[in-house]
All heavy atoms as atom14 arrays in JSON, in Angstrom:
{
  "sequence": "NNMKKYETKFSKLVKNSVINCDYIPGVIDFIEANESLPKYVISGTPQD",
  "atom14_mask": [
    [1, 1, 1, 1, 1, 1, 1, 1, 0, 0, 0, 0, 0, 0],
    [1, 1, 1, 1, 1, 1, 1, 1, 0, 0, 0, 0, 0, 0],
    [1, 1, 1, 1, 1, 1, 1, 1, 0, 0, 0, 0, 0, 0],
    [1, 1, 1, 1, 1, 1, 1, 1, 1, 0, 0, 0, 0, 0],
    [1, 1, 1, 1, 1, 1, 1, 1, 1, 0, 0, 0, 0, 0],
    [1, 1, 1, 1, 1, 1, 1, 1, 1, 1, 1, 1, 0, 0],
    [1, 1, 1, 1, 1, 1, 1, 1, 1, 0, 0, 0, 0, 0],
    [1, 1, 1, 1, 1, 1, 1, 0, 0, 0, 0, 0, 0, 0],
    [1, 1, 1, 1, 1, 1, 1, 1, 1, 0, 0, 0, 0, 0],
    [1, 1, 1, 1, 1, 1, 1, 1, 1, 1, 1, 0, 0, 0],
    [1, 1, 1, 1, 1, 1, 0, 0, 0, 0, 0, 0, 0, 0],
    [1, 1, 1, 1, 1, 1, 1, 1, 1, 0, 0, 0, 0, 0],
    [1, 1, 1, 1, 1, 1, 1, 1, 0, 0, 0, 0, 0, 0],
    [1, 1, 1, 1, 1, 1, 1, 0, 0, 0, 0, 0, 0, 0],
    [1, 1, 1, 1, 1, 1, 1, 1, 1, 0, 0, 0, 0, 0],
    [1, 1, 1, 1, 1, 1, 1, 1, 0, 0, 0, 0, 0, 0],
    [1, 1, 1, 1, 1, 1, 0, 0, 0, 0, 0, 0, 0, 0],
    [1, 1, 1, 1, 1, 1, 1, 0, 0, 0, 0, 0, 0, 0],
    [1, 1, 1, 1, 1, 1, 1, 1, 0, 0, 0, 0, 0, 0],
    [1, 1, 1, 1, 1, 1, 1, 1, 0, 0, 0, 0, 0, 0],
    [1, 1, 1, 1, 1, 1, 0, 0, 0, 0, 0, 0, 0, 0],
    [1, 1, 1, 1, 1, 1, 1, 1, 0, 0, 0, 0, 0, 0],
    [1, 1, 1, 1, 1, 1, 1, 1, 1, 1, 1, 1, 0, 0],
    [1, 1, 1, 1, 1, 1, 1, 1, 0, 0, 0, 0, 0, 0],
    [1, 1, 1, 1, 1, 1, 1, 0, 0, 0, 0, 0, 0, 0],
    [1, 1, 1, 1, 0, 0, 0, 0, 0, 0, 0, 0, 0, 0],
    [1, 1, 1, 1, 1, 1, 1, 0, 0, 0, 0, 0, 0, 0],
    [1, 1, 1, 1, 1, 1, 1, 1, 0, 0, 0, 0, 0, 0],
    [1, 1, 1, 1, 1, 1, 1, 1, 0, 0, 0, 0, 0, 0],
    [1, 1, 1, 1, 1, 1, 1, 1, 1, 1, 1, 0, 0, 0],
    [1, 1, 1, 1, 1, 1, 1, 1, 0, 0, 0, 0, 0, 0],
    [1, 1, 1, 1, 1, 1, 1, 1, 1, 0, 0, 0, 0, 0],
    [1, 1, 1, 1, 1, 0, 0, 0, 0, 0, 0, 0, 0, 0],
    [1, 1, 1, 1, 1, 1, 1, 1, 0, 0, 0, 0, 0, 0],
    [1, 1, 1, 1, 1, 1, 1, 1, 1, 0, 0, 0, 0, 0],
    [1, 1, 1, 1, 1, 1, 0, 0, 0, 0, 0, 0, 0, 0],
    [1, 1, 1, 1, 1, 1, 1, 1, 0, 0, 0, 0, 0, 0],
    [1, 1, 1, 1, 1, 1, 1, 0, 0, 0, 0, 0, 0, 0],
    [1, 1, 1, 1, 1, 1, 1, 1, 1, 0, 0, 0, 0, 0],
    [1, 1, 1, 1, 1, 1, 1, 1, 1, 1, 1, 1, 0, 0],
    [1, 1, 1, 1, 1, 1, 1, 0, 0, 0, 0, 0, 0, 0],
    [1, 1, 1, 1, 1, 1, 1, 1, 0, 0, 0, 0, 0, 0],
    [1, 1, 1, 1, 1, 1, 0, 0, 0, 0, 0, 0, 0, 0],
    [1, 1, 1, 1, 0, 0, 0, 0, 0, 0, 0, 0, 0, 0],
    [1, 1, 1, 1, 1, 1, 1, 0, 0, 0, 0, 0, 0, 0],
    [1, 1, 1, 1, 1, 1, 1, 0, 0, 0, 0, 0, 0, 0],
    [1, 1, 1, 1, 1, 1, 1, 1, 1, 0, 0, 0, 0, 0],
    [1, 1, 1, 1, 1, 1, 1, 1, 0, 0, 0, 0, 0, 0]
  ],
  "atom14_positions": [
    [[0.51, -32.74, -21.8], [-0.57, -31.77, -21.6], [-1.34, -32.02, -20.3], [-1.68, -31.08, -19.58], [-1.54, -31.79, -22.79], [-0.97, -31.1, -24.02], [-0.03, -30.31, -23.91], [-1.53, -31.4, -25.18], [0.0, 0.0, 0.0], [0.0, 0.0, 0.0], [0.0, 0.0, 0.0], [0.0, 0.0, 0.0], [0.0, 0.0, 0.0], [0.0, 0.0, 0.0]],
    [[-1.63, -33.29, -20.02], [-2.35, -33.61, -18.78], [-1.52, -33.28, -17.55], [-2.03, -32.75, -16.56], [-2.76, -35.08, -18.78], [-3.98, -35.35, -19.62], [-4.79, -34.46, -19.87], [-4.13, -36.59, -20.08], [0.0, 0.0, 0.0], [0.0, 0.0, 0.0], [0.0, 0.0, 0.0], [0.0, 0.0, 0.0], [0.0, 0.0, 0.0], [0.0, 0.0, 0.0]],
    [[-0.23, -33.61, -17.59], [0.64, -33.31, -16.47], [0.72, -31.8, -16.24], [0.62, -31.33, -15.1], [2.04, -33.89, -16.71], [2.1, -35.41, -16.65], [1.69, -36.09, -15.02], [3.04, -35.42, -14.03], [0.0, 0.0, 0.0], [0.0, 0.0, 0.0], [0.0, 0.0, 0.0], [0.0, 0.0, 0.0], [0.0, 0.0, 0.0], [0.0, 0.0, 0.0]],
    [[0.89, -31.05, -17.3], [0.98, -29.59, -17.19], [-0.32, -29.01, -16.64], [-0.32, -28.11, -15.79], [1.31, -28.97, -18.54], [1.52, -27.47, -18.48], [1.95, -26.91, -19.83], [2.19, -25.4, -19.74], [2.6, -24.84, -21.06], [0.0, 0.0, 0.0], [0.0, 0.0, 0.0], [0.0, 0.0, 0.0], [0.0, 0.0, 0.0], [0.0, 0.0, 0.0]],
    [[-1.44, -29.54, -17.1], [-2.76, -29.06, -16.66], [-2.91, -29.19, -15.15], [-3.28, -28.22, -14.45], [-3.84, -29.86, -17.36], [-5.26, -29.63, -16.83], [-6.25, -30.58, -17.49], [-7.63, -30.47, -16.85], [-8.6, -31.41, -17.48], [0.0, 0.0, 0.0], [0.0, 0.0, 0.0], [0.0, 0.0, 0.0], [0.0, 0.0, 0.0], [0.0, 0.0, 0.0]],
    [[-2.59, -30.37, -14.62], [-2.81, -30.6, -13.19], [-1.72, -29.98, -12.32], [-1.98, -29.54, -11.2], [-2.96, -32.1, -12.92], [-4.28, -32.64, -13.38], [-4.39, -33.38, -14.55], [-5.44, -32.36, -12.67], [-5.63, -33.85, -14.99], [-6.68, -32.83, -13.1], [-6.77, -33.56, -14.27], [-7.99, -34.02, -14.69], [0.0, 0.0, 0.0], [0.0, 0.0, 0.0]],
    [[-0.5, -29.9, -12.83], [0.56, -29.24, -12.07], [0.27, -27.74, -11.96], [0.48, -27.14, -10.9], [1.91, -29.47, -12.74], [2.44, -30.88, -12.55], [3.72, -31.14, -13.31], [4.09, -30.31, -14.16], [4.37, -32.17, -13.05], [0.0, 0.0, 0.0], [0.0, 0.0, 0.0], [0.0, 0.0, 0.0], [0.0, 0.0, 0.0], [0.0, 0.0, 0.0]],
    [[-0.21, -27.13, -13.05], [-0.54, -25.7, -13.04], [-1.71, -25.43, -12.09], [-1.69, -24.47, -11.31], [-0.89, -25.21, -14.45], [0.23, -25.41, -15.32], [-1.26, -23.73, -14.44], [0.0, 0.0, 0.0], [0.0, 0.0, 0.0], [0.0, 0.0, 0.0], [0.0, 0.0, 0.0], [0.0, 0.0, 0.0], [0.0, 0.0, 0.0], [0.0, 0.0, 0.0]],
    [[-2.7, -26.29, -12.14], [-3.87, -26.13, -11.26], [-3.46, -26.28, -9.8], [-3.91, -25.51, -8.93], [-4.93, -27.16, -11.63], [-6.24, -27.01, -10.84], [-7.27, -28.05, -11.29], [-8.55, -27.93, -10.47], [-9.54, -28.97, -10.87], [0.0, 0.0, 0.0], [0.0, 0.0, 0.0], [0.0, 0.0, 0.0], [0.0, 0.0, 0.0], [0.0, 0.0, 0.0]],
    [[-2.59, -27.26, -9.52], [-2.14, -27.46, -8.15], [-1.38, -26.23, -7.64], [-1.59, -25.78, -6.51], [-1.23, -28.7, -8.07], [-0.8, -29.04, -6.68], [-1.58, -29.86, -5.87], [0.39, -28.55, -6.16], [-1.19, -30.18, -4.57], [0.78, -28.87, -4.87], [0.0, -29.68, -4.08], [0.0, 0.0, 0.0], [0.0, 0.0, 0.0], [0.0, 0.0, 0.0]],
    [[-0.5, -25.69, -8.46], [0.26, -24.5, -8.07], [-0.67, -23.35, -7.73], [-0.47, -22.63, -6.74], [1.21, -24.09, -9.19], [1.95, -22.94, -8.84], [0.0, 0.0, 0.0], [0.0, 0.0, 0.0], [0.0, 0.0, 0.0], [0.0, 0.0, 0.0], [0.0, 0.0, 0.0], [0.0, 0.0, 0.0], [0.0, 0.0, 0.0], [0.0, 0.0, 0.0]],
    [[-1.72, -23.16, -8.52], [-2.68, -22.08, -8.25], [-3.43, -22.31, -6.94], [-3.78, -21.36, -6.23], [-3.67, -21.96, -9.41], [-3.05, -21.39, -10.69], [-4.07, -21.32, -11.81], [-3.47, -20.73, -13.08], [-4.45, -20.7, -14.19], [0.0, 0.0, 0.0], [0.0, 0.0, 0.0], [0.0, 0.0, 0.0], [0.0, 0.0, 0.0], [0.0, 0.0, 0.0]],
    [[-3.68, -23.57, -6.62], [-4.41, -23.89, -5.39], [-3.58, -23.61, -4.13], [-4.12, -23.25, -3.09], [-4.82, -25.37, -5.4], [-5.99, -25.76, -6.3], [-6.1, -27.28, -6.38], [-7.29, -25.16, -5.79], [0.0, 0.0, 0.0], [0.0, 0.0, 0.0], [0.0, 0.0, 0.0], [0.0, 0.0, 0.0], [0.0, 0.0, 0.0], [0.0, 0.0, 0.0]],
    [[-2.25, -23.78, -4.23], [-1.45, -23.73, -3.0], [-0.59, -22.48, -2.82], [-0.3, -22.1, -1.68], [-0.52, -24.96, -2.89], [-1.32, -26.25, -2.91], [0.55, -24.96, -3.99], [0.0, 0.0, 0.0], [0.0, 0.0, 0.0], [0.0, 0.0, 0.0], [0.0, 0.0, 0.0], [0.0, 0.0, 0.0], [0.0, 0.0, 0.0], [0.0, 0.0, 0.0]],
    [[-0.18, -21.85, -3.9], [0.9, -20.85, -3.79], [0.58, -19.71, -2.83], [1.36, -19.42, -1.91], [1.28, -20.31, -5.16], [2.52, -19.43, -5.13], [3.14, -19.3, -6.52], [2.22, -18.72, -7.52], [2.89, -18.51, -8.83], [0.0, 0.0, 0.0], [0.0, 0.0, 0.0], [0.0, 0.0, 0.0], [0.0, 0.0, 0.0], [0.0, 0.0, 0.0]],
    [[-0.55, -19.06, -3.01], [-0.87, -17.92, -2.14], [-1.06, -18.33, -0.69], [-0.68, -17.61, 0.23], [-2.12, -17.2, -2.66], [-1.84, -16.37, -3.9], [-0.7, -15.98, -4.14], [-2.87, -16.13, -4.69], [0.0, 0.0, 0.0], [0.0, 0.0, 0.0], [0.0, 0.0, 0.0], [0.0, 0.0, 0.0], [0.0, 0.0, 0.0], [0.0, 0.0, 0.0]],
    [[-1.64, -19.51, -0.49], [-1.83, -19.99, 0.88], [-0.5, -20.27, 1.56], [-0.34, -19.98, 2.75], [-2.69, -21.27, 0.87], [-3.99, -21.0, 0.42], [0.0, 0.0, 0.0], [0.0, 0.0, 0.0], [0.0, 0.0, 0.0], [0.0, 0.0, 0.0], [0.0, 0.0, 0.0], [0.0, 0.0, 0.0], [0.0, 0.0, 0.0], [0.0, 0.0, 0.0]],
    [[0.46, -20.83, 0.83], [1.77, -21.09, 1.4], [2.52, -19.79, 1.67], [3.24, -19.67, 2.67], [2.59, -22.03, 0.49], [4.0, -22.21, 1.02], [1.91, -23.39, 0.38], [0.0, 0.0, 0.0], [0.0, 0.0, 0.0], [0.0, 0.0, 0.0], [0.0, 0.0, 0.0], [0.0, 0.0, 0.0], [0.0, 0.0, 0.0], [0.0, 0.0, 0.0]],
    [[2.34, -18.82, 0.81], [2.98, -17.51, 1.02], [2.49, -16.88, 2.32], [3.25, -16.21, 3.02], [2.71, -16.58, -0.18], [3.53, -17.04, -1.4], [3.03, -15.12, 0.16], [3.15, -16.34, -2.69], [0.0, 0.0, 0.0], [0.0, 0.0, 0.0], [0.0, 0.0, 0.0], [0.0, 0.0, 0.0], [0.0, 0.0, 0.0], [0.0, 0.0, 0.0]],
    [[1.23, -17.14, 2.67], [0.62, -16.45, 3.82], [0.44, -17.3, 5.07], [-0.03, -16.8, 6.08], [-0.74, -15.89, 3.39], [-0.62, -14.78, 2.36], [-0.09, -13.72, 2.65], [-1.1, -15.03, 1.15], [0.0, 0.0, 0.0], [0.0, 0.0, 0.0], [0.0, 0.0, 0.0], [0.0, 0.0, 0.0], [0.0, 0.0, 0.0], [0.0, 0.0, 0.0]],
    [[0.84, -18.56, 5.04], [0.6, -19.42, 6.2], [1.6, -19.13, 7.32], [2.59, -18.42, 7.13], [0.65, -20.9, 5.8], [2.27, -21.52, 5.37], [0.0, 0.0, 0.0], [0.0, 0.0, 0.0], [0.0, 0.0, 0.0], [0.0, 0.0, 0.0], [0.0, 0.0, 0.0], [0.0, 0.0, 0.0], [0.0, 0.0, 0.0], [0.0, 0.0, 0.0]],
    [[1.36, -19.71, 8.49], [2.2, -19.49, 9.66], [3.56, -20.19, 9.52], [3.7, -21.17, 8.81], [1.51, -20.03, 10.92], [0.27, -19.24, 11.29], [0.16, -18.07, 10.88], [-0.6, -19.81, 11.98], [0.0, 0.0, 0.0], [0.0, 0.0, 0.0], [0.0, 0.0, 0.0], [0.0, 0.0, 0.0], [0.0, 0.0, 0.0], [0.0, 0.0, 0.0]],
    [[4.52, -19.65, 10.28], [5.81, -20.32, 10.41], [5.7, -21.44, 11.45], [4.87, -21.37, 12.36], [6.89, -19.34, 10.87], [7.33, -18.39, 9.79], [6.92, -17.05, 9.81], [8.17, -18.8, 8.76], [7.32, -16.16, 8.83], [8.57, -17.91, 7.78], [8.14, -16.6, 7.81], [8.54, -15.73, 6.82], [0.0, 0.0, 0.0], [0.0, 0.0, 0.0]],
    [[6.56, -22.44, 11.33], [6.73, -23.4, 12.41], [7.32, -22.62, 13.59], [8.3, -21.88, 13.42], [7.65, -24.56, 11.99], [7.01, -25.36, 10.85], [7.97, -25.46, 13.18], [5.68, -26.02, 11.18], [0.0, 0.0, 0.0], [0.0, 0.0, 0.0], [0.0, 0.0, 0.0], [0.0, 0.0, 0.0], [0.0, 0.0, 0.0], [0.0, 0.0, 0.0]],
    [[6.76, -22.74, 14.79], [7.23, -21.92, 15.92], [8.74, -22.03, 16.15], [9.31, -23.11, 16.18], [6.45, -22.51, 17.1], [5.18, -23.01, 16.5], [5.58, -23.57, 15.16], [0.0, 0.0, 0.0], [0.0, 0.0, 0.0], [0.0, 0.0, 0.0], [0.0, 0.0, 0.0], [0.0, 0.0, 0.0], [0.0, 0.0, 0.0], [0.0, 0.0, 0.0]],
    [[9.35, -20.84, 16.3], [10.76, -20.76, 16.66], [11.73, -20.83, 15.51], [12.94, -20.63, 15.7], [0.0, 0.0, 0.0], [0.0, 0.0, 0.0], [0.0, 0.0, 0.0], [0.0, 0.0, 0.0], [0.0, 0.0, 0.0], [0.0, 0.0, 0.0], [0.0, 0.0, 0.0], [0.0, 0.0, 0.0], [0.0, 0.0, 0.0], [0.0, 0.0, 0.0]],
    [[11.25, -21.09, 14.28], [12.19, -21.33, 13.18], [12.99, -20.08, 12.82], [14.2, -20.16, 12.57], [11.48, -21.91, 11.95], [10.5, -20.92, 11.32], [12.5, -22.38, 10.92], [0.0, 0.0, 0.0], [0.0, 0.0, 0.0], [0.0, 0.0, 0.0], [0.0, 0.0, 0.0], [0.0, 0.0, 0.0], [0.0, 0.0, 0.0], [0.0, 0.0, 0.0]],
    [[12.36, -18.91, 12.8], [13.09, -17.7, 12.43], [14.12, -17.35, 13.5], [15.26, -16.99, 13.18], [12.12, -16.52, 12.18], [11.18, -16.85, 11.01], [12.91, -15.25, 11.89], [11.87, -17.17, 9.7], [0.0, 0.0, 0.0], [0.0, 0.0, 0.0], [0.0, 0.0, 0.0], [0.0, 0.0, 0.0], [0.0, 0.0, 0.0], [0.0, 0.0, 0.0]],
    [[13.75, -17.48, 14.77], [14.71, -17.24, 15.84], [15.9, -18.19, 15.73], [17.05, -17.8, 15.94], [14.04, -17.41, 17.21], [13.07, -16.28, 17.53], [13.17, -15.21, 16.89], [12.21, -16.48, 18.4], [0.0, 0.0, 0.0], [0.0, 0.0, 0.0], [0.0, 0.0, 0.0], [0.0, 0.0, 0.0], [0.0, 0.0, 0.0], [0.0, 0.0, 0.0]],
    [[15.61, -19.44, 15.42], [16.68, -20.43, 15.29], [17.61, -20.09, 14.13], [18.84, -20.16, 14.25], [16.08, -21.82, 15.09], [17.09, -22.91, 14.96], [17.66, -23.48, 16.09], [17.49, -23.37, 13.72], [18.62, -24.48, 15.98], [18.43, -24.37, 13.59], [19.0, -24.93, 14.72], [0.0, 0.0, 0.0], [0.0, 0.0, 0.0], [0.0, 0.0, 0.0]],
    [[17.03, -19.72, 13.01], [17.83, -19.35, 11.83], [18.7, -18.14, 12.14], [19.89, -18.11, 11.82], [16.91, -19.09, 10.62], [16.31, -20.41, 10.12], [17.67, -18.38, 9.5], [15.22, -20.24, 9.09], [0.0, 0.0, 0.0], [0.0, 0.0, 0.0], [0.0, 0.0, 0.0], [0.0, 0.0, 0.0], [0.0, 0.0, 0.0], [0.0, 0.0, 0.0]],
    [[18.12, -17.14, 12.77], [18.87, -15.93, 13.08], [19.96, -16.18, 14.12], [21.03, -15.57, 14.07], [17.92, -14.83, 13.55], [17.03, -14.31, 12.42], [16.05, -13.24, 12.89], [15.81, -13.13, 14.12], [15.49, -12.53, 12.01], [0.0, 0.0, 0.0], [0.0, 0.0, 0.0], [0.0, 0.0, 0.0], [0.0, 0.0, 0.0], [0.0, 0.0, 0.0]],
    [[19.71, -17.08, 15.06], [20.72, -17.41, 16.07], [21.92, -18.12, 15.46], [23.01, -18.11, 16.01], [20.1, -18.28, 17.16], [0.0, 0.0, 0.0], [0.0, 0.0, 0.0], [0.0, 0.0, 0.0], [0.0, 0.0, 0.0], [0.0, 0.0, 0.0], [0.0, 0.0, 0.0], [0.0, 0.0, 0.0], [0.0, 0.0, 0.0], [0.0, 0.0, 0.0]],
    [[21.71, -18.74, 14.31], [22.77, -19.44, 13.61], [23.17, -18.72, 12.32], [23.5, -19.35, 11.31], [22.33, -20.88, 13.3], [22.21, -21.72, 14.55], [23.19, -22.23, 15.06], [21.0, -21.85, 15.07], [0.0, 0.0, 0.0], [0.0, 0.0, 0.0], [0.0, 0.0, 0.0], [0.0, 0.0, 0.0], [0.0, 0.0, 0.0], [0.0, 0.0, 0.0]],
    [[23.19, -17.39, 12.38], [23.42, -16.6, 11.18], [24.8, -16.81, 10.57], [25.0, -16.59, 9.37], [23.22, -15.11, 11.49], [24.2, -14.55, 12.52], [23.97, -13.07, 12.79], [23.21, -12.46, 12.01], [24.54, -12.55, 13.75], [0.0, 0.0, 0.0], [0.0, 0.0, 0.0], [0.0, 0.0, 0.0], [0.0, 0.0, 0.0], [0.0, 0.0, 0.0]],
    [[25.78, -17.24, 11.37], [27.14, -17.41, 10.85], [27.31, -18.69, 10.02], [28.33, -18.86, 9.35], [28.14, -17.43, 12.0], [27.91, -18.55, 12.84], [0.0, 0.0, 0.0], [0.0, 0.0, 0.0], [0.0, 0.0, 0.0], [0.0, 0.0, 0.0], [0.0, 0.0, 0.0], [0.0, 0.0, 0.0], [0.0, 0.0, 0.0], [0.0, 0.0, 0.0]],
    [[26.33, -19.57, 10.07], [26.44, -20.84, 9.36], [25.78, -20.78, 7.98], [24.74, -20.15, 7.82], [25.76, -21.95, 10.17], [26.34, -22.21, 11.56], [25.48, -23.23, 12.29], [27.77, -22.69, 11.46], [0.0, 0.0, 0.0], [0.0, 0.0, 0.0], [0.0, 0.0, 0.0], [0.0, 0.0, 0.0], [0.0, 0.0, 0.0], [0.0, 0.0, 0.0]],
    [[26.36, -21.44, 7.0], [25.69, -21.56, 5.7], [24.38, -22.32, 5.87], [24.32, -23.32, 6.59], [26.68, -22.36, 4.85], [27.99, -22.25, 5.55], [27.68, -22.11, 7.0], [0.0, 0.0, 0.0], [0.0, 0.0, 0.0], [0.0, 0.0, 0.0], [0.0, 0.0, 0.0], [0.0, 0.0, 0.0], [0.0, 0.0, 0.0], [0.0, 0.0, 0.0]],
    [[23.34, -21.84, 5.2], [22.02, -22.45, 5.32], [21.39, -22.6, 3.93], [21.52, -21.69, 3.1], [21.12, -21.62, 6.23], [21.51, -21.7, 7.7], [20.68, -20.77, 8.57], [21.08, -19.32, 8.4], [22.44, -19.04, 8.87], [0.0, 0.0, 0.0], [0.0, 0.0, 0.0], [0.0, 0.0, 0.0], [0.0, 0.0, 0.0], [0.0, 0.0, 0.0]],
    [[20.69, -23.71, 3.75], [20.07, -23.99, 2.45], [18.67, -24.56, 2.66], [18.44, -25.3, 3.61], [20.9, -25.02, 1.68], [22.32, -24.59, 1.41], [23.32, -24.82, 2.36], [22.66, -23.95, 0.21], [24.62, -24.41, 2.12], [23.97, -23.55, -0.03], [24.94, -23.78, 0.93], [26.24, -23.38, 0.7], [0.0, 0.0, 0.0], [0.0, 0.0, 0.0]],
    [[17.77, -24.22, 1.75], [16.47, -24.88, 1.67], [16.54, -25.92, 0.57], [16.96, -25.62, -0.56], [15.34, -23.87, 1.36], [14.03, -24.61, 1.09], [15.16, -22.9, 2.51], [0.0, 0.0, 0.0], [0.0, 0.0, 0.0], [0.0, 0.0, 0.0], [0.0, 0.0, 0.0], [0.0, 0.0, 0.0], [0.0, 0.0, 0.0], [0.0, 0.0, 0.0]],
    [[16.16, -27.16, 0.9], [16.11, -28.25, -0.09], [14.71, -28.84, -0.02], [14.34, -29.46, 0.97], [17.17, -29.32, 0.19], [18.58, -28.7, 0.14], [17.05, -30.46, -0.8], [19.7, -29.69, 0.42], [0.0, 0.0, 0.0], [0.0, 0.0, 0.0], [0.0, 0.0, 0.0], [0.0, 0.0, 0.0], [0.0, 0.0, 0.0], [0.0, 0.0, 0.0]],
    [[13.93, -28.64, -1.07], [12.49, -28.92, -1.01], [12.03, -29.73, -2.22], [12.67, -29.72, -3.28], [11.72, -27.6, -0.94], [10.34, -27.8, -1.09], [0.0, 0.0, 0.0], [0.0, 0.0, 0.0], [0.0, 0.0, 0.0], [0.0, 0.0, 0.0], [0.0, 0.0, 0.0], [0.0, 0.0, 0.0], [0.0, 0.0, 0.0], [0.0, 0.0, 0.0]],
    [[10.88, -30.38, -2.06], [10.23, -31.08, -3.16], [9.34, -30.18, -3.99], [8.71, -30.63, -4.94], [0.0, 0.0, 0.0], [0.0, 0.0, 0.0], [0.0, 0.0, 0.0], [0.0, 0.0, 0.0], [0.0, 0.0, 0.0], [0.0, 0.0, 0.0], [0.0, 0.0, 0.0], [0.0, 0.0, 0.0], [0.0, 0.0, 0.0], [0.0, 0.0, 0.0]],
    [[9.29, -28.89, -3.65], [8.51, -27.91, -4.43], [9.28, -27.52, -5.69], [10.51, -27.4, -5.65], [8.25, -26.66, -3.57], [7.49, -27.03, -2.42], [7.48, -25.6, -4.35], [0.0, 0.0, 0.0], [0.0, 0.0, 0.0], [0.0, 0.0, 0.0], [0.0, 0.0, 0.0], [0.0, 0.0, 0.0], [0.0, 0.0, 0.0], [0.0, 0.0, 0.0]],
    [[8.6, -27.31, -6.83], [9.3, -26.89, -8.05], [10.15, -25.63, -7.82], [9.74, -24.72, -7.08], [8.15, -26.61, -9.02], [7.06, -27.51, -8.57], [7.16, -27.53, -7.07], [0.0, 0.0, 0.0], [0.0, 0.0, 0.0], [0.0, 0.0, 0.0], [0.0, 0.0, 0.0], [0.0, 0.0, 0.0], [0.0, 0.0, 0.0], [0.0, 0.0, 0.0]],
    [[11.3, -25.59, -8.47], [12.29, -24.56, -8.21], [11.74, -23.14, -8.33], [11.91, -22.32, -7.42], [13.47, -24.72, -9.18], [14.59, -23.7, -8.98], [15.3, -23.88, -7.65], [15.86, -24.94, -7.39], [15.3, -22.87, -6.81], [0.0, 0.0, 0.0], [0.0, 0.0, 0.0], [0.0, 0.0, 0.0], [0.0, 0.0, 0.0], [0.0, 0.0, 0.0]],
    [[11.07, -22.82, -9.42], [10.59, -21.44, -9.63], [9.57, -21.04, -8.58], [9.59, -19.92, -8.06], [10.0, -21.29, -11.03], [11.05, -21.35, -12.13], [12.25, -21.26, -11.81], [10.67, -21.51, -13.31], [0.0, 0.0, 0.0], [0.0, 0.0, 0.0], [0.0, 0.0, 0.0], [0.0, 0.0, 0.0], [0.0, 0.0, 0.0], [0.0, 0.0, 0.0]]
  ]
}
């Protein structure tokens, strides 16, 4: 219960801000320039 409480609160604190924050400069251009290659995001953020 304690883990769920703080994980849920943390998600509420960060999710909208992460959705709206800036990109690291040049990342989208770099990704698009390498469109023929398989690409994956591997993150420490919960899957959902």
